[in-house]
Amino acid sequence: MAQLGEDLRFTVRPGEAFYIHSLAEPGPTLTVEAPVPVRSGDEVTMLGHDRPLSWTLRNGALVVDVPAAARRAGRYVWVFKVEWRD
């Protein structure tokens, strides 16, 4: 499992999705300042939250909007899934 700083970990399910594990509760946005394999049209969701999340790339960083309902869905870890679309 790769990591970024103290709070972010990364895993991949080849050919399907990239996962970002946040060990700290995110704020209104989650910024990942590392190359994340995300493309236009891909969907970002948070496990335990039933709606896709808005996201953008800014200066090479992935920025995910995390509404309060999504933040409440986590307890010890918040897992974001980047689902690759063809």
PDB file of N, CA and C in Angstrom:
ATOM      1  N   MET A   1       0.852  -1.169   0.000  1.00  0.00           N
ATOM      2  CA  MET A   1       0.000   0.000   0.000  1.00  0.00           C
ATOM      3  C   MET A   1       0.899   1.233   0.000  1.00  0.00           C
ATOM      4  N   ALA A   2       0.709   2.083  -0.993  1.00  0.00           N
ATOM      5  CA  ALA A   2       1.476   3.325  -1.072  1.00  0.00           C
ATOM      6  C   ALA A   2       0.850   4.349  -0.130  1.00  0.00           C
ATOM      7  N   GLN A   3       1.636   5.349   0.266  1.00  0.00           N
ATOM      8  CA  GLN A   3       1.097   6.364   1.158  1.00  0.00           C
ATOM      9  C   GLN A   3       1.624   7.736   0.812  1.00  0.00           C
ATOM     10  N   LEU A   4       0.891   8.762   1.267  1.00  0.00           N
ATOM     11  CA  LEU A   4       1.278  10.158   1.113  1.00  0.00           C
ATOM     12  C   LEU A   4       1.101  10.812   2.473  1.00  0.00           C
ATOM     13  N   GLY A   5       2.178  11.232   3.076  1.00  0.00           N
ATOM     14  CA  GLY A   5       2.112  11.837   4.399  1.00  0.00           C
ATOM     15  C   GLY A   5       1.639  10.847   5.446  1.00  0.00           C
ATOM     16  N   GLU A   6       1.098  11.370   6.514  1.00  0.00           N
ATOM     17  CA  GLU A   6       0.638  10.530   7.621  1.00  0.00           C
ATOM     18  C   GLU A   6      -0.764   9.971   7.403  1.00  0.00           C
ATOM     19  N   ASP A   7      -1.570  10.646   6.578  1.00  0.00           N
ATOM     20  CA  ASP A   7      -2.999  10.344   6.553  1.00  0.00           C
ATOM     21  C   ASP A   7      -3.541   9.656   5.310  1.00  0.00           C
ATOM     22  N   LEU A   8      -2.811   9.632   4.207  1.00  0.00           N
ATOM     23  CA  LEU A   8      -3.364   9.063   2.983  1.00  0.00           C
ATOM     24  C   LEU A   8      -2.649   7.789   2.566  1.00  0.00           C
ATOM     25  N   ARG A   9      -3.439   6.789   2.191  1.00  0.00           N
ATOM     26  CA  ARG A   9      -2.929   5.517   1.682  1.00  0.00           C
ATOM     27  C   ARG A   9      -3.623   5.241   0.360  1.00  0.00           C
ATOM     28  N   PHE A  10      -2.977   4.464  -0.495  1.00  0.00           N
ATOM     29  CA  PHE A  10      -3.517   4.191  -1.823  1.00  0.00           C
ATOM     30  C   PHE A  10      -3.464   2.702  -2.126  1.00  0.00           C
ATOM     31  N   THR A  11      -4.523   2.198  -2.753  1.00  0.00           N
ATOM     32  CA  THR A  11      -4.533   0.833  -3.265  1.00  0.00           C
ATOM     33  C   THR A  11      -5.164   0.878  -4.652  1.00  0.00           C
ATOM     34  N   VAL A  12      -4.972  -0.195  -5.411  1.00  0.00           N
ATOM     35  CA  VAL A  12      -5.530  -0.257  -6.760  1.00  0.00           C
ATOM     36  C   VAL A  12      -6.123  -1.639  -7.007  1.00  0.00           C
ATOM     37  N   ARG A  13      -7.208  -1.653  -7.733  1.00  0.00           N
ATOM     38  CA  ARG A  13      -7.798  -2.902  -8.224  1.00  0.00           C
ATOM     39  C   ARG A  13      -7.587  -2.844  -9.733  1.00  0.00           C
ATOM     40  N   PRO A  14      -6.568  -3.548 -10.233  1.00  0.00           N
ATOM     41  CA  PRO A  14      -6.170  -3.411 -11.638  1.00  0.00           C
ATOM     42  C   PRO A  14      -7.345  -3.509 -12.609  1.00  0.00           C
ATOM     43  N   GLY A  15      -7.381  -2.537 -13.519  1.00  0.00           N
ATOM     44  CA  GLY A  15      -8.411  -2.512 -14.545  1.00  0.00           C
ATOM     45  C   GLY A  15      -9.767  -2.040 -14.081  1.00  0.00           C
ATOM     46  N   GLU A  16      -9.923  -1.723 -12.785  1.00  0.00           N
ATOM     47  CA  GLU A  16     -11.236  -1.346 -12.265  1.00  0.00           C
ATOM     48  C   GLU A  16     -11.255  -0.003 -11.537  1.00  0.00           C
ATOM     49  N   ALA A  17     -10.387   0.143 -10.521  1.00  0.00           N
ATOM     50  CA  ALA A  17     -10.494   1.340  -9.695  1.00  0.00           C
ATOM     51  C   ALA A  17      -9.211   1.609  -8.910  1.00  0.00           C
ATOM     52  N   PHE A  18      -9.090   2.851  -8.481  1.00  0.00           N
ATOM     53  CA  PHE A  18      -8.007   3.335  -7.631  1.00  0.00           C
ATOM     54  C   PHE A  18      -8.663   3.809  -6.342  1.00  0.00           C
ATOM     55  N   TYR A  19      -8.104   3.441  -5.185  1.00  0.00           N
ATOM     56  CA  TYR A  19      -8.699   3.793  -3.897  1.00  0.00           C
ATOM     57  C   TYR A  19      -7.782   4.713  -3.109  1.00  0.00           C
ATOM     58  N   ILE A  20      -8.386   5.717  -2.490  1.00  0.00           N
ATOM     59  CA  ILE A  20      -7.677   6.642  -1.606  1.00  0.00           C
ATOM     60  C   ILE A  20      -8.258   6.443  -0.214  1.00  0.00           C
ATOM     61  N   HIS A  21      -7.420   6.073   0.744  1.00  0.00           N
ATOM     62  CA  HIS A  21      -7.843   5.838   2.126  1.00  0.00           C
ATOM     63  C   HIS A  21      -7.340   7.015   2.961  1.00  0.00           C
ATOM     64  N   SER A  22      -8.268   7.770   3.535  1.00  0.00           N
ATOM     65  CA  SER A  22      -7.895   8.882   4.404  1.00  0.00           C
ATOM     66  C   SER A  22      -8.051   8.438   5.852  1.00  0.00           C
ATOM     67  N   LEU A  23      -6.955   8.469   6.608  1.00  0.00           N
ATOM     68  CA  LEU A  23      -6.994   8.062   8.014  1.00  0.00           C
ATOM     69  C   LEU A  23      -7.459   9.193   8.923  1.00  0.00           C
ATOM     70  N   ALA A  24      -7.582  10.387   8.359  1.00  0.00           N
ATOM     71  CA  ALA A  24      -8.094  11.538   9.102  1.00  0.00           C
ATOM     72  C   ALA A  24      -9.390  11.992   8.431  1.00  0.00           C
ATOM     73  N   GLU A  25     -10.349  12.421   9.230  1.00  0.00           N
ATOM     74  CA  GLU A  25     -11.609  12.889   8.648  1.00  0.00           C
ATOM     75  C   GLU A  25     -11.338  14.063   7.726  1.00  0.00           C
ATOM     76  N   PRO A  26     -11.807  13.976   6.474  1.00  0.00           N
ATOM     77  CA  PRO A  26     -11.574  15.086   5.552  1.00  0.00           C
ATOM     78  C   PRO A  26     -12.457  16.276   5.896  1.00  0.00           C
ATOM     79  N   GLY A  27     -12.050  17.428   5.428  1.00  0.00           N
ATOM     80  CA  GLY A  27     -12.871  18.620   5.540  1.00  0.00           C
ATOM     81  C   GLY A  27     -13.817  18.676   4.350  1.00  0.00           C
ATOM     82  N   PRO A  28     -14.317  19.864   4.004  1.00  0.00           N
ATOM     83  CA  PRO A  28     -15.230  20.012   2.869  1.00  0.00           C
ATOM     84  C   PRO A  28     -14.606  19.591   1.533  1.00  0.00           C
ATOM     85  N   THR A  29     -13.265  19.593   1.476  1.00  0.00           N
ATOM     86  CA  THR A  29     -12.586  19.079   0.286  1.00  0.00           C
ATOM     87  C   THR A  29     -11.431  18.182   0.720  1.00  0.00           C
ATOM     88  N   LEU A  30     -11.141  17.209  -0.130  1.00  0.00           N
ATOM     89  CA  LEU A  30      -9.970  16.355   0.052  1.00  0.00           C
ATOM     90  C   LEU A  30      -9.035  16.674  -1.107  1.00  0.00           C
ATOM     91  N   THR A  31      -7.816  17.102  -0.800  1.00  0.00           N
ATOM     92  CA  THR A  31      -6.832  17.416  -1.833  1.00  0.00           C
ATOM     93  C   THR A  31      -5.719  16.385  -1.768  1.00  0.00           C
ATOM     94  N   VAL A  32      -5.480  15.724  -2.891  1.00  0.00           N
ATOM     95  CA  VAL A  32      -4.433  14.709  -2.981  1.00  0.00           C
ATOM     96  C   VAL A  32      -3.348  15.268  -3.895  1.00  0.00           C
ATOM     97  N   GLU A  33      -2.265  15.698  -3.288  1.00  0.00           N
ATOM     98  CA  GLU A  33      -1.174  16.312  -4.046  1.00  0.00           C
ATOM     99  C   GLU A  33      -0.174  15.251  -4.486  1.00  0.00           C
ATOM    100  N   ALA A  34      -0.675  14.348  -5.322  1.00  0.00           N
ATOM    101  CA  ALA A  34       0.126  13.262  -5.888  1.00  0.00           C
ATOM    102  C   ALA A  34      -0.549  12.886  -7.200  1.00  0.00           C
ATOM    103  N   PRO A  35       0.194  12.271  -8.111  1.00  0.00           N
ATOM    104  CA  PRO A  35      -0.446  11.866  -9.367  1.00  0.00           C
ATOM    105  C   PRO A  35      -1.460  10.750  -9.126  1.00  0.00           C
ATOM    106  N   VAL A  36      -2.713  11.059  -9.340  1.00  0.00           N
ATOM    107  CA  VAL A  36      -3.805  10.098  -9.184  1.00  0.00           C
ATOM    108  C   VAL A  36      -4.284   9.724 -10.580  1.00  0.00           C
ATOM    109  N   PRO A  37      -4.424   8.433 -10.862  1.00  0.00           N
ATOM    110  CA  PRO A  37      -4.863   8.011 -12.195  1.00  0.00           C
ATOM    111  C   PRO A  37      -6.360   8.247 -12.391  1.00  0.00           C
ATOM    112  N   VAL A  38      -6.717   9.501 -12.652  1.00  0.00           N
ATOM    113  CA  VAL A  38      -8.117   9.870 -12.863  1.00  0.00           C
ATOM    114  C   VAL A  38      -8.209  10.619 -14.192  1.00  0.00           C
ATOM    115  N   ARG A  39      -9.290  10.323 -14.930  1.00  0.00           N
ATOM    116  CA  ARG A  39      -9.500  10.958 -16.231  1.00  0.00           C
ATOM    117  C   ARG A  39     -10.898  11.548 -16.287  1.00  0.00           C
ATOM    118  N   SER A  40     -11.072  12.489 -17.176  1.00  0.00           N
ATOM    119  CA  SER A  40     -12.393  13.060 -17.407  1.00  0.00           C
ATOM    120  C   SER A  40     -13.379  11.922 -17.675  1.00  0.00           C
ATOM    121  N   GLY A  41     -14.524  11.950 -17.020  1.00  0.00           N
ATOM    122  CA  GLY A  41     -15.519  10.897 -17.184  1.00  0.00           C
ATOM    123  C   GLY A  41     -15.462   9.830 -16.107  1.00  0.00           C
ATOM    124  N   ASP A  42     -14.341   9.745 -15.369  1.00  0.00           N
ATOM    125  CA  ASP A  42     -14.249   8.795 -14.258  1.00  0.00           C
ATOM    126  C   ASP A  42     -15.168   9.260 -13.128  1.00  0.00           C
ATOM    127  N   GLU A  43     -15.618   8.312 -12.318  1.00  0.00           N
ATOM    128  CA  GLU A  43     -16.511   8.640 -11.205  1.00  0.00           C
ATOM    129  C   GLU A  43     -15.780   8.467  -9.881  1.00  0.00           C
ATOM    130  N   VAL A  44     -15.948   9.449  -9.003  1.00  0.00           N
ATOM    131  CA  VAL A  44     -15.368   9.370  -7.659  1.00  0.00           C
ATOM    132  C   VAL A  44     -16.509   9.248  -6.667  1.00  0.00           C
ATOM    133  N   THR A  45     -16.427   8.214  -5.831  1.00  0.00           N
ATOM    134  CA  THR A  45     -17.425   7.997  -4.790  1.00  0.00           C
ATOM    135  C   THR A  45     -16.698   7.777  -3.470  1.00  0.00           C
ATOM    136  N   MET A  46     -17.460   7.788  -2.380  1.00  0.00           N
ATOM    137  CA  MET A  46     -16.907   7.456  -1.077  1.00  0.00           C
ATOM    138  C   MET A  46     -17.685   6.271  -0.542  1.00  0.00           C
ATOM    139  N   LEU A  47     -16.986   5.232  -0.124  1.00  0.00           N
ATOM    140  CA  LEU A  47     -17.667   4.053   0.393  1.00  0.00           C
ATOM    141  C   LEU A  47     -18.526   4.443   1.598  1.00  0.00           C
ATOM    142  N   GLY A  48     -19.775   3.990   1.598  1.00  0.00           N
ATOM    143  CA  GLY A  48     -20.710   4.332   2.663  1.00  0.00           C
ATOM    144  C   GLY A  48     -21.584   5.525   2.337  1.00  0.00           C
ATOM    145  N   HIS A  49     -21.296   6.220   1.240  1.00  0.00           N
ATOM    146  CA  HIS A  49     -22.076   7.378   0.786  1.00  0.00           C
ATOM    147  C   HIS A  49     -22.601   7.028  -0.599  1.00  0.00           C
ATOM    148  N   ASP A  50     -23.903   7.190  -0.825  1.00  0.00           N
ATOM    149  CA  ASP A  50     -24.522   6.646  -2.035  1.00  0.00           C
ATOM    150  C   ASP A  50     -24.516   7.543  -3.267  1.00  0.00           C
ATOM    151  N   ARG A  51     -23.842   8.680  -3.219  1.00  0.00           N
ATOM    152  CA  ARG A  51     -23.851   9.575  -4.383  1.00  0.00           C
ATOM    153  C   ARG A  51     -22.437   9.845  -4.870  1.00  0.00           C
ATOM    154  N   PRO A  52     -22.285  10.026  -6.194  1.00  0.00           N
ATOM    155  CA  PRO A  52     -20.962  10.410  -6.710  1.00  0.00           C
ATOM    156  C   PRO A  52     -20.555  11.776  -6.164  1.00  0.00           C
ATOM    157  N   LEU A  53     -19.261  11.982  -6.039  1.00  0.00           N
ATOM    158  CA  LEU A  53     -18.718  13.245  -5.537  1.00  0.00           C
ATOM    159  C   LEU A  53     -18.160  14.067  -6.692  1.00  0.00           C
ATOM    160  N   SER A  54     -18.285  15.375  -6.586  1.00  0.00           N
ATOM    161  CA  SER A  54     -17.694  16.273  -7.578  1.00  0.00           C
ATOM    162  C   SER A  54     -16.193  16.322  -7.354  1.00  0.00           C
ATOM    163  N   TRP A  55     -15.447  16.407  -8.451  1.00  0.00           N
ATOM    164  CA  TRP A  55     -13.995  16.470  -8.334  1.00  0.00           C
ATOM    165  C   TRP A  55     -13.426  17.278  -9.490  1.00  0.00           C
ATOM    166  N   THR A  56     -12.193  17.721  -9.305  1.00  0.00           N
ATOM    167  CA  THR A  56     -11.473  18.449 -10.331  1.00  0.00           C
ATOM    168  C   THR A  56      -9.986  18.208 -10.156  1.00  0.00           C
ATOM    169  N   LEU A  57      -9.233  18.528 -11.171  1.00  0.00           N
ATOM    170  CA  LEU A  57      -7.771  18.516 -11.070  1.00  0.00           C
ATOM    171  C   LEU A  57      -7.301  19.953 -11.045  1.00  0.00           C
ATOM    172  N   ARG A  58      -6.470  20.295 -10.050  1.00  0.00           N
ATOM    173  CA  ARG A  58      -5.916  21.654  -9.928  1.00  0.00           C
ATOM    174  C   ARG A  58      -4.420  21.561  -9.717  1.00  0.00           C
ATOM    175  N   ASN A  59      -3.673  22.084 -10.669  1.00  0.00           N
ATOM    176  CA  ASN A  59      -2.208  22.081 -10.580  1.00  0.00           C
ATOM    177  C   ASN A  59      -1.658  20.686 -10.293  1.00  0.00           C
ATOM    178  N   GLY A  60      -2.228  19.679 -10.944  1.00  0.00           N
ATOM    179  CA  GLY A  60      -1.753  18.313 -10.775  1.00  0.00           C
ATOM    180  C   GLY A  60      -2.289  17.591  -9.553  1.00  0.00           C
ATOM    181  N   ALA A  61      -3.109  18.266  -8.741  1.00  0.00           N
ATOM    182  CA  ALA A  61      -3.676  17.652  -7.534  1.00  0.00           C
ATOM    183  C   ALA A  61      -5.144  17.309  -7.771  1.00  0.00           C
ATOM    184  N   LEU A  62      -5.575  16.180  -7.238  1.00  0.00           N
ATOM    185  CA  LEU A  62      -6.986  15.810  -7.271  1.00  0.00           C
ATOM    186  C   LEU A  62      -7.676  16.495  -6.100  1.00  0.00           C
ATOM    187  N   VAL A  63      -8.761  17.215  -6.388  1.00  0.00           N
ATOM    188  CA  VAL A  63      -9.537  17.899  -5.353  1.00  0.00           C
ATOM    189  C   VAL A  63     -10.958  17.346  -5.411  1.00  0.00           C
ATOM    190  N   VAL A  64     -11.380  16.721  -4.316  1.00  0.00           N
ATOM    191  CA  VAL A  64     -12.705  16.091  -4.239  1.00  0.00           C
ATOM    192  C   VAL A  64     -13.556  16.878  -3.255  1.00  0.00           C
ATOM    193  N   ASP A  65     -14.765  17.242  -3.672  1.00  0.00           N
ATOM    194  CA  ASP A  65     -15.719  17.884  -2.759  1.00  0.00           C
ATOM    195  C   ASP A  65     -16.326  16.809  -1.878  1.00  0.00           C
ATOM    196  N   VAL A  66     -16.275  17.022  -0.556  1.00  0.00           N
ATOM    197  CA  VAL A  66     -16.765  16.021   0.396  1.00  0.00           C
ATOM    198  C   VAL A  66     -17.880  16.662   1.235  1.00  0.00           C
ATOM    199  N   PRO A  67     -19.147  16.421   0.862  1.00  0.00           N
ATOM    200  CA  PRO A  67     -20.242  17.016   1.632  1.00  0.00           C
ATOM    201  C   PRO A  67     -20.303  16.444   3.051  1.00  0.00           C
ATOM    202  N   ALA A  68     -20.971  17.163   3.927  1.00  0.00           N
ATOM    203  CA  ALA A  68     -21.065  16.757   5.336  1.00  0.00           C
ATOM    204  C   ALA A  68     -21.628  15.347   5.478  1.00  0.00           C
ATOM    205  N   ALA A  69     -22.626  14.992   4.663  1.00  0.00           N
ATOM    206  CA  ALA A  69     -23.223  13.647   4.758  1.00  0.00           C
ATOM    207  C   ALA A  69     -22.180  12.571   4.464  1.00  0.00           C
ATOM    208  N   ALA A  70     -21.292  12.834   3.528  1.00  0.00           N
ATOM    209  CA  ALA A  70     -20.236  11.861   3.217  1.00  0.00           C
ATOM    210  C   ALA A  70     -19.237  11.777   4.368  1.00  0.00           C
ATOM    211  N   ARG A  71     -18.874  12.907   4.946  1.00  0.00           N
ATOM    212  CA  ARG A  71     -17.926  12.895   6.072  1.00  0.00           C
ATOM    213  C   ARG A  71     -18.483  12.104   7.247  1.00  0.00           C
ATOM    214  N   ARG A  72     -19.785  12.200   7.466  1.00  0.00           N
ATOM    215  CA  ARG A  72     -20.419  11.464   8.575  1.00  0.00           C
ATOM    216  C   ARG A  72     -20.463   9.964   8.310  1.00  0.00           C
ATOM    217  N   ALA A  73     -20.317   9.545   7.042  1.00  0.00           N
ATOM    218  CA  ALA A  73     -20.392   8.123   6.695  1.00  0.00           C
ATOM    219  C   ALA A  73     -19.154   7.357   7.167  1.00  0.00           C
ATOM    220  N   GLY A  74     -18.054   8.049   7.409  1.00  0.00           N
ATOM    221  CA  GLY A  74     -16.837   7.393   7.874  1.00  0.00           C
ATOM    222  C   GLY A  74     -16.734   7.422   9.384  1.00  0.00           C
ATOM    223  N   ARG A  75     -15.848   6.580   9.897  1.00  0.00           N
ATOM    224  CA  ARG A  75     -15.630   6.580  11.336  1.00  0.00           C
ATOM    225  C   ARG A  75     -14.145   6.523  11.659  1.00  0.00           C
ATOM    226  N   TYR A  76     -13.449   5.539  11.134  1.00  0.00           N
ATOM    227  CA  TYR A  76     -12.017   5.392  11.396  1.00  0.00           C
ATOM    228  C   TYR A  76     -11.183   5.655  10.150  1.00  0.00           C
ATOM    229  N   VAL A  77     -11.800   5.411   8.994  1.00  0.00           N
ATOM    230  CA  VAL A  77     -11.120   5.656   7.719  1.00  0.00           C
ATOM    231  C   VAL A  77     -12.191   6.045   6.697  1.00  0.00           C
ATOM    232  N   TRP A  78     -11.842   6.953   5.799  1.00  0.00           N
ATOM    233  CA  TRP A  78     -12.733   7.414   4.750  1.00  0.00           C
ATOM    234  C   TRP A  78     -12.120   6.939   3.435  1.00  0.00           C
ATOM    235  N   VAL A  79     -12.855   6.101   2.701  1.00  0.00           N
ATOM    236  CA  VAL A  79     -12.309   5.480   1.495  1.00  0.00           C
ATOM    237  C   VAL A  79     -12.985   6.066   0.260  1.00  0.00           C
ATOM    238  N   PHE A  80     -12.161   6.650  -0.595  1.00  0.00           N
ATOM    239  CA  PHE A  80     -12.640   7.238  -1.843  1.00  0.00           C
ATOM    240  C   PHE A  80     -12.257   6.315  -2.990  1.00  0.00           C
ATOM    241  N   LYS A  81     -13.213   6.076  -3.879  1.00  0.00           N
ATOM    242  CA  LYS A  81     -12.997   5.171  -4.997  1.00  0.00           C
ATOM    243  C   LYS A  81     -13.032   5.971  -6.304  1.00  0.00           C
ATOM    244  N   VAL A  82     -11.971   5.873  -7.091  1.00  0.00           N
ATOM    245  CA  VAL A  82     -11.931   6.449  -8.429  1.00  0.00           C
ATOM    246  C   VAL A  82     -12.230   5.293  -9.372  1.00  0.00           C
ATOM    247  N   GLU A  83     -13.450   5.271  -9.887  1.00  0.00           N
ATOM    248  CA  GLU A  83     -13.852   4.180 -10.786  1.00  0.00           C
ATOM    249  C   GLU A  83     -13.563   4.591 -12.209  1.00  0.00           C
ATOM    250  N   TRP A  84     -12.714   3.797 -12.847  1.00  0.00           N
ATOM    251  CA  TRP A  84     -12.313   4.118 -14.219  1.00  0.00           C
ATOM    252  C   TRP A  84     -13.416   3.764 -15.192  1.00  0.00           C
ATOM    253  N   ARG A  85     -13.734   4.712 -16.049  1.00  0.00           N
ATOM    254  CA  ARG A  85     -14.750   4.522 -17.090  1.00  0.00           C
ATOM    255  C   ARG A  85     -14.055   4.466 -18.434  1.00  0.00           C
ATOM    256  N   ASP A  86     -14.565   3.644 -19.310  1.00  0.00           N
ATOM    257  CA  ASP A  86     -13.973   3.553 -20.658  1.00  0.00           C
ATOM    258  C   ASP A  86     -14.447   4.673 -21.548  1.00  0.00           C
TER     259      ASP A  86
END
